[in-house]
Protein backbone atom coordinates (compact mmCIF):
# COMPACT_ATOMS: atom_id res chain seq x y z
CA MET A 1 -35.34 -2.88 -17.78
CA ASP A 2 -33.42 -4.76 -15.26
CA THR A 3 -36.01 -7.50 -15.13
CA LEU A 4 -35.82 -7.92 -18.75
CA GLY A 5 -32.00 -7.87 -18.61
CA ASN A 6 -32.37 -10.57 -16.29
CA ILE A 7 -34.47 -12.85 -18.19
CA GLY A 8 -32.52 -12.35 -21.62
CA GLY A 9 -35.08 -13.71 -23.76
CA THR A 10 -35.29 -12.37 -27.72
CA ARG A 11 -38.41 -10.63 -27.02
CA GLU A 12 -37.30 -9.17 -23.86
CA VAL A 13 -34.24 -8.37 -26.14
CA ASP A 14 -36.63 -6.90 -28.56
CA ALA A 15 -37.56 -4.65 -26.12
CA LEU A 16 -35.02 -3.29 -24.54
CA ILE A 17 -33.42 -2.56 -28.13
CA ALA A 18 -36.48 -0.89 -28.97
CA ALA A 19 -36.48 1.59 -25.36
CA LEU A 20 -33.22 3.17 -26.49
CA GLN A 21 -35.49 5.33 -28.60
CA ASN A 22 -37.42 6.16 -25.92
CA ARG A 23 -38.07 9.75 -25.31
CA SER A 24 -36.67 9.07 -21.27
CA PRO A 25 -32.95 9.35 -20.55
CA ALA A 26 -33.46 6.95 -17.60
CA VAL A 27 -35.14 4.64 -19.54
CA ARG A 28 -32.59 4.29 -22.35
CA GLY A 29 -29.79 4.34 -19.60
CA GLY A 30 -31.28 1.10 -17.98
CA ALA A 31 -32.05 -0.33 -21.67
CA VAL A 32 -28.01 -0.13 -22.16
CA ARG A 33 -27.57 -1.20 -18.53
CA ALA A 34 -29.55 -4.27 -19.23
CA LEU A 35 -28.50 -5.11 -22.66
CA ALA A 36 -24.27 -5.15 -21.01
CA ARG A 37 -25.55 -7.57 -18.50
CA ILE A 38 -27.10 -10.10 -21.40
CA GLY A 39 -24.13 -9.35 -23.44
CA GLY A 40 -24.16 -11.76 -26.67
CA THR A 41 -23.61 -10.81 -30.49
CA ARG A 42 -27.31 -8.77 -30.99
CA GLU A 43 -27.02 -7.08 -27.79
CA VAL A 44 -23.42 -5.63 -28.79
CA ASP A 45 -24.41 -4.56 -32.12
CA ALA A 46 -27.31 -2.66 -30.16
CA LEU A 47 -24.94 -0.91 -28.08
CA ILE A 48 -22.41 -0.05 -30.80
CA ALA A 49 -25.52 1.40 -31.80
CA ALA A 50 -26.31 3.34 -29.15
CA LEU A 51 -23.15 5.30 -29.02
CA GLN A 52 -25.34 7.52 -32.12
CA ASN A 53 -27.83 8.47 -29.36
CA ARG A 54 -28.78 11.99 -28.82
CA SER A 55 -28.45 11.55 -25.01
CA PRO A 56 -25.01 11.91 -24.00
CA ALA A 57 -25.87 9.79 -20.70
CA VAL A 58 -27.14 7.04 -23.32
CA ARG A 59 -23.72 7.20 -25.19
CA GLU A 60 -21.64 7.42 -22.05
CA CYS A 61 -23.30 4.17 -20.14
CA ALA A 62 -22.94 2.50 -23.97
CA VAL A 63 -19.19 2.81 -24.00
CA ARG A 64 -19.23 1.52 -20.57
CA ALA A 65 -20.95 -1.42 -21.10
CA LEU A 66 -18.63 -2.29 -24.33
CA GLY A 67 -15.70 -2.21 -22.01
CA ARG A 68 -17.48 -4.34 -19.31
CA ILE A 69 -18.37 -6.74 -22.10
CA GLY A 70 -15.26 -6.84 -23.78
CA ASN A 71 -16.01 -7.99 -27.25
CA THR A 72 -13.69 -6.61 -29.79
CA ARG A 73 -16.44 -6.04 -32.41
CA ALA A 74 -16.76 -3.18 -30.59
CA VAL A 75 -13.70 -1.56 -30.68
CA GLU A 76 -13.43 0.40 -33.84
CA ALA A 77 -16.86 2.14 -32.70
CA LEU A 78 -15.51 3.08 -29.60
CA ILE A 79 -12.17 4.31 -31.45
CA ALA A 80 -14.24 6.41 -33.04
CA ALA A 81 -16.20 7.49 -29.77
CA LEU A 82 -12.95 9.22 -28.98
CA GLU A 83 -13.98 12.03 -31.07
CA ASP A 84 -17.46 12.22 -29.18
CA PRO A 85 -18.69 16.00 -28.68
CA GLU A 86 -19.28 15.11 -24.67
CA TRP A 87 -16.01 14.59 -23.34
CA ARG A 88 -17.68 12.58 -20.42
CA VAL A 89 -18.11 10.38 -23.62
CA ARG A 90 -14.07 10.14 -24.90
CA ARG A 91 -13.06 9.26 -21.52
CA ALA A 92 -15.13 6.68 -21.00
CA SER A 93 -14.09 5.40 -24.44
CA THR A 94 -10.63 5.35 -23.56
CA HIS A 95 -11.39 3.15 -20.58
CA ALA A 96 -13.74 0.66 -22.08
CA LEU A 97 -10.49 0.17 -24.92
CA ALA A 98 -8.18 -0.60 -22.20
CA GLU A 99 -10.66 -2.74 -21.07
CA ILE A 100 -11.03 -4.47 -24.09
CA GLY A 101 -7.29 -4.70 -24.68
CA ASP A 102 -7.09 -4.48 -28.49
CA ALA A 103 -4.05 -3.68 -30.14
CA ARG A 104 -5.64 -1.71 -32.67
CA ALA A 105 -6.68 1.01 -30.23
CA ALA A 106 -3.11 2.57 -29.47
CA GLU A 107 -3.14 5.08 -32.72
CA GLY A 108 -6.47 6.70 -31.10
CA LEU A 109 -5.45 6.71 -27.75
CA PHE A 110 -2.12 8.42 -28.83
CA ALA A 111 -4.09 10.85 -30.29
CA ALA A 112 -6.47 11.15 -27.26
CA LEU A 113 -2.97 12.38 -25.05
CA GLU A 114 -4.00 15.46 -26.88
CA ASP A 115 -7.59 16.07 -26.45
CA HIS A 116 -8.18 19.22 -25.25
CA HIS A 117 -9.81 18.05 -22.10
CA GLY A 118 -7.70 17.01 -19.13
CA HIS A 119 -9.28 14.35 -17.66
CA VAL A 120 -9.11 12.40 -21.39
CA ARG A 121 -5.71 13.05 -21.40
CA CYS A 122 -5.15 11.03 -18.18
CA ALA A 123 -7.54 8.94 -18.86
CA ALA A 124 -5.97 8.01 -22.85
CA ALA A 125 -2.50 7.72 -20.67
CA GLN A 126 -3.92 5.34 -18.15
CA ALA A 127 -4.97 3.45 -20.82
CA LEU A 128 -1.78 3.06 -23.02
CA GLY A 129 -0.28 2.40 -19.64
CA ARG A 130 -2.11 -1.17 -19.33
CA PHE A 131 -1.51 -1.88 -22.92
CA ARG A 132 2.29 -1.34 -21.84
CA ASP A 133 2.85 -0.77 -26.04
CA ASN A 134 6.97 0.49 -26.11
CA GLU A 135 5.45 2.63 -29.19
CA ALA A 136 3.38 4.71 -26.48
CA VAL A 137 6.50 5.55 -24.73
CA ARG A 138 7.56 8.75 -26.63
CA PRO A 139 4.20 10.22 -26.59
CA LEU A 140 3.89 9.59 -22.92
CA ILE A 141 7.03 11.13 -22.51
CA ALA A 142 5.77 14.30 -23.84
CA ALA A 143 2.52 14.39 -21.83
CA LEU A 144 5.15 14.95 -18.92
CA GLU A 145 5.05 18.37 -19.94
CA ASP A 146 1.37 18.95 -19.81
CA GLN A 147 -0.09 21.62 -18.28
CA ALA A 148 -2.21 19.74 -16.16
CA PRO A 149 -0.91 18.19 -12.95
CA SER A 150 -3.53 14.94 -13.19
CA VAL A 151 -2.01 14.65 -16.70
CA ARG A 152 1.61 14.41 -15.94
CA GLN A 153 0.97 12.00 -13.14
CA CYS A 154 -1.20 9.60 -15.53
CA ALA A 155 1.90 9.93 -18.16
CA ALA A 156 4.44 9.06 -15.21
CA ALA A 157 2.30 6.24 -13.70
CA ALA A 158 2.24 4.66 -17.12
CA LEU A 159 5.76 4.86 -17.96
CA GLY A 160 6.55 3.18 -15.12
CA ASN A 161 4.04 0.33 -15.94
CA ILE A 162 5.61 0.36 -19.39
CA GLY A 163 9.09 0.27 -17.86
CA ASP A 164 11.32 1.07 -20.76
CA SER A 165 14.57 2.38 -19.91
CA ARG A 166 14.05 5.23 -22.75
CA ALA A 167 11.56 6.81 -19.90
CA VAL A 168 14.43 7.01 -17.18
CA LYS A 169 16.24 10.36 -18.34
CA PRO A 170 12.68 12.42 -18.84
CA LEU A 171 11.04 11.25 -15.78
CA ILE A 172 14.30 12.15 -13.65
CA VAL A 173 13.80 15.77 -14.86
CA ALA A 174 9.63 15.34 -13.84
CA LEU A 175 11.20 14.30 -10.57
CA SER A 176 12.11 17.82 -9.98
CA GLY A 177 9.65 19.67 -12.24
CA ASN A 178 6.46 21.28 -11.67
CA PRO A 179 4.54 19.83 -8.42
CA GLY A 180 1.87 17.08 -9.47
CA GLY A 181 3.97 15.35 -11.14
CA GLN A 182 7.31 14.46 -8.93
CA ALA A 183 5.74 11.61 -7.10
CA ALA A 184 4.25 9.66 -9.54
CA ALA A 185 7.80 10.10 -11.34
CA ALA A 186 9.74 8.76 -8.32
CA GLU A 187 6.95 5.88 -8.62
CA ALA A 188 7.70 4.83 -11.97
CA LEU A 189 11.65 5.39 -11.65
CA GLY A 190 10.73 2.14 -9.08
CA LYS A 191 8.91 0.47 -11.01
CA ILE A 192 11.59 1.17 -14.07
CA GLY A 193 14.40 -0.14 -11.76
CA HIS A 194 17.55 1.44 -13.27
CA THR A 195 20.40 2.15 -11.15
CA ARG A 196 20.85 5.82 -13.05
CA ALA A 197 18.21 7.26 -10.91
CA VAL A 198 19.26 6.39 -7.03
CA ALA A 199 21.16 9.86 -7.06
CA PRO A 200 18.13 11.69 -7.93
CA LEU A 201 15.84 9.58 -5.92
CA ILE A 202 18.28 9.99 -3.04
CA ALA A 203 18.16 13.88 -3.56
CA ALA A 204 14.37 13.73 -3.61
CA LEU A 205 14.52 12.31 -0.13
CA LYS A 206 15.62 16.19 1.24
CA GLU A 207 12.43 17.73 -0.72
CA THR A 208 10.26 20.04 1.40
CA SER A 209 7.14 17.25 0.19
CA ALA A 210 6.20 15.13 2.12
CA SER A 211 4.43 12.70 -0.40
CA LEU A 212 7.54 12.69 -2.97
CA ARG A 213 9.69 12.31 -0.38
CA GLN A 214 7.87 9.03 0.67
CA SER A 215 7.63 7.91 -3.02
CA ALA A 216 11.51 7.94 -3.42
CA ALA A 217 11.82 6.21 -0.11
CA GLU A 218 9.54 3.54 -1.52
CA ALA A 219 11.39 3.69 -5.41
CA LEU A 220 14.76 3.49 -3.73
CA GLY A 221 13.65 0.32 -1.90
CA LYS A 222 12.48 -1.28 -5.28
CA ILE A 223 15.72 -0.51 -6.88
CA GLY A 224 17.83 -2.10 -4.18
CA ASP A 225 21.01 -0.38 -4.48
CA GLY A 226 23.39 -0.08 -1.53
CA ALA A 227 23.79 3.74 -2.17
CA ALA A 228 20.85 4.29 -0.98
CA VAL A 229 21.12 2.50 2.76
CA GLU A 230 22.63 5.79 4.89
CA PRO A 231 20.19 8.02 3.22
CA LEU A 232 17.66 6.13 3.94
CA ILE A 233 18.79 5.56 7.61
CA GLY A 234 19.08 9.32 7.81
CA ALA A 235 15.17 9.20 6.39
CA LEU A 236 14.07 7.29 9.52
CA ARG A 237 14.24 10.58 11.58
CA ASP A 238 12.29 12.17 8.90
CA GLU A 239 9.36 14.36 10.45
CA SER A 240 6.77 12.92 8.39
CA TRP A 241 5.33 9.17 9.81
CA ASN A 242 4.81 7.90 6.36
CA VAL A 243 8.60 8.65 5.00
CA ARG A 244 9.80 7.11 7.99
CA ARG A 245 7.99 3.78 7.30
CA ALA A 246 8.81 3.80 4.10
CA SER A 247 12.07 4.26 4.77
CA ALA A 248 11.95 1.28 7.17
CA GLU A 249 10.37 -0.73 4.47
CA ALA A 250 12.83 0.11 1.67
CA LEU A 251 16.16 -0.63 4.16
CA GLY A 252 14.41 -4.02 4.61
CA GLU A 253 13.57 -4.31 0.71
CA ILE A 254 17.42 -3.76 -0.12
CA GLY A 255 19.05 -5.91 2.65
CA ASP A 256 22.05 -4.26 4.34
CA VAL A 257 22.95 -5.21 7.71
CA ARG A 258 24.24 -1.82 8.06
CA ALA A 259 20.10 -0.48 8.50
CA ILE A 260 19.82 -3.42 11.58
CA ALA A 261 20.97 -1.00 14.58
CA PRO A 262 19.48 2.26 13.34
CA LEU A 263 16.08 0.55 13.13
CA THR A 264 16.62 -1.29 16.14
CA GLU A 265 17.27 2.09 17.95
CA LEU A 266 13.74 3.22 16.32
CA GLN A 267 12.02 0.37 17.23
CA ASP A 268 13.27 0.54 20.94
CA HIS A 269 12.24 4.49 20.88
CA LEU A 270 8.52 3.65 19.45
CA THR A 271 8.52 1.14 22.12
CA LYS A 272 9.26 3.05 25.10
CA CYS A 273 7.92 6.38 24.31
CA PRO A 274 4.60 5.60 22.59
CA SER A 275 2.20 8.64 21.75
CA ASP A 276 -0.59 9.38 24.38
CA PRO A 277 -3.79 7.73 23.19
CA PHE A 278 -5.70 10.71 24.73
CA GLU A 279 -3.72 13.51 23.22
CA THR A 280 -2.75 12.11 20.02
CA PRO A 281 -4.89 12.34 16.93
CA GLY A 282 -5.93 8.95 15.92
CA SER A 283 -4.85 9.26 12.12
CA LEU A 284 -1.28 9.87 14.12
CA LEU A 285 -1.91 6.95 16.30
CA ARG A 286 -2.54 5.12 13.06
CA ALA A 287 0.85 5.95 11.52
CA GLU A 288 2.56 5.38 14.56
CA ASP A 289 1.25 1.60 14.68
CA GLU A 290 1.81 0.87 10.94
CA LEU A 291 5.84 2.30 11.35
CA ARG A 292 5.98 0.26 14.25
CA ARG A 293 5.04 -2.67 12.26
CA SER A 294 7.15 -1.59 9.08
CA VAL A 295 10.05 -1.59 11.57
CA ALA A 296 9.54 -5.09 13.07
CA ARG A 297 9.09 -6.47 9.57
CA ALA A 298 12.25 -4.81 8.26
CA LEU A 299 14.05 -6.38 11.19
CA ARG A 300 13.08 -9.82 10.73
CA ARG A 301 14.27 -9.60 7.56
CA LEU A 302 17.59 -8.05 7.96
CA VAL A 303 18.20 -10.27 10.81
CA GLY A 304 16.97 -13.50 8.99
CA ALA A 305 19.44 -12.51 6.22
CA ALA A 306 21.95 -12.00 8.16
CA GLU A 307 21.79 -14.98 10.28
CA ALA A 308 21.77 -17.34 7.03
CA GLU A 309 24.85 -16.00 5.93
């Protein structure tokens, strides 16, 4: 099948189309992949027809192939595939529609946010985030309360990609809500960049979850509000290497000279008191090295900005 796909002549394409009816799932799947490599109009039509194949694996392969080809002829068929009985086909359809990027897919993706399978709901949220359609904001806000943590994460990330300020208040609520979407909510707030999020993100620097504290520090750096400087200086002493690194980088992004002294102090400490390479796990040594580099970068930015003034 791969050889036929590489040749791509009329007889070979006929053979591949005929192979879509083969009794072997492996043969049918190989034919789908080969047709995807050719990617012409006739091949697209054959792949659309393969969405009715009795094998879920073949239907999934056909969906993925249509997404890779990117021909808008497939959009209506892929929207219909969002109701396929097999959840993997439905999930693949959301990804394929996102790859093609046709606005006609929006309504179908809104409906997919209500799919009974969490993986499909998450994929639908991801797809809507790639579309950056403001009409998706309300259904994605509703998805912030989904029962599945992965869906809440995907919805928050999508809202961050869209960047609509209507999402700020719901994302602030999600920041202190059920575990599973909090870090993603912090990241989204950083992308949107609204100063209303500064105080809740500062509060999140004290949360028990290290990943949330890290995301909050990163978000505060993106927003760039001076009110975050002192809390981020405090976070340079966090027990987590990643939180300390994110805080150093955030201070560099904000560019407030108040951070020079504490960053210099941390740099001196890292230089004079490095971890013992024979007693410290490799992952922690790498984290310490990353922190050292982040502090150095932040100081270069801050000192350079101060000298420029």
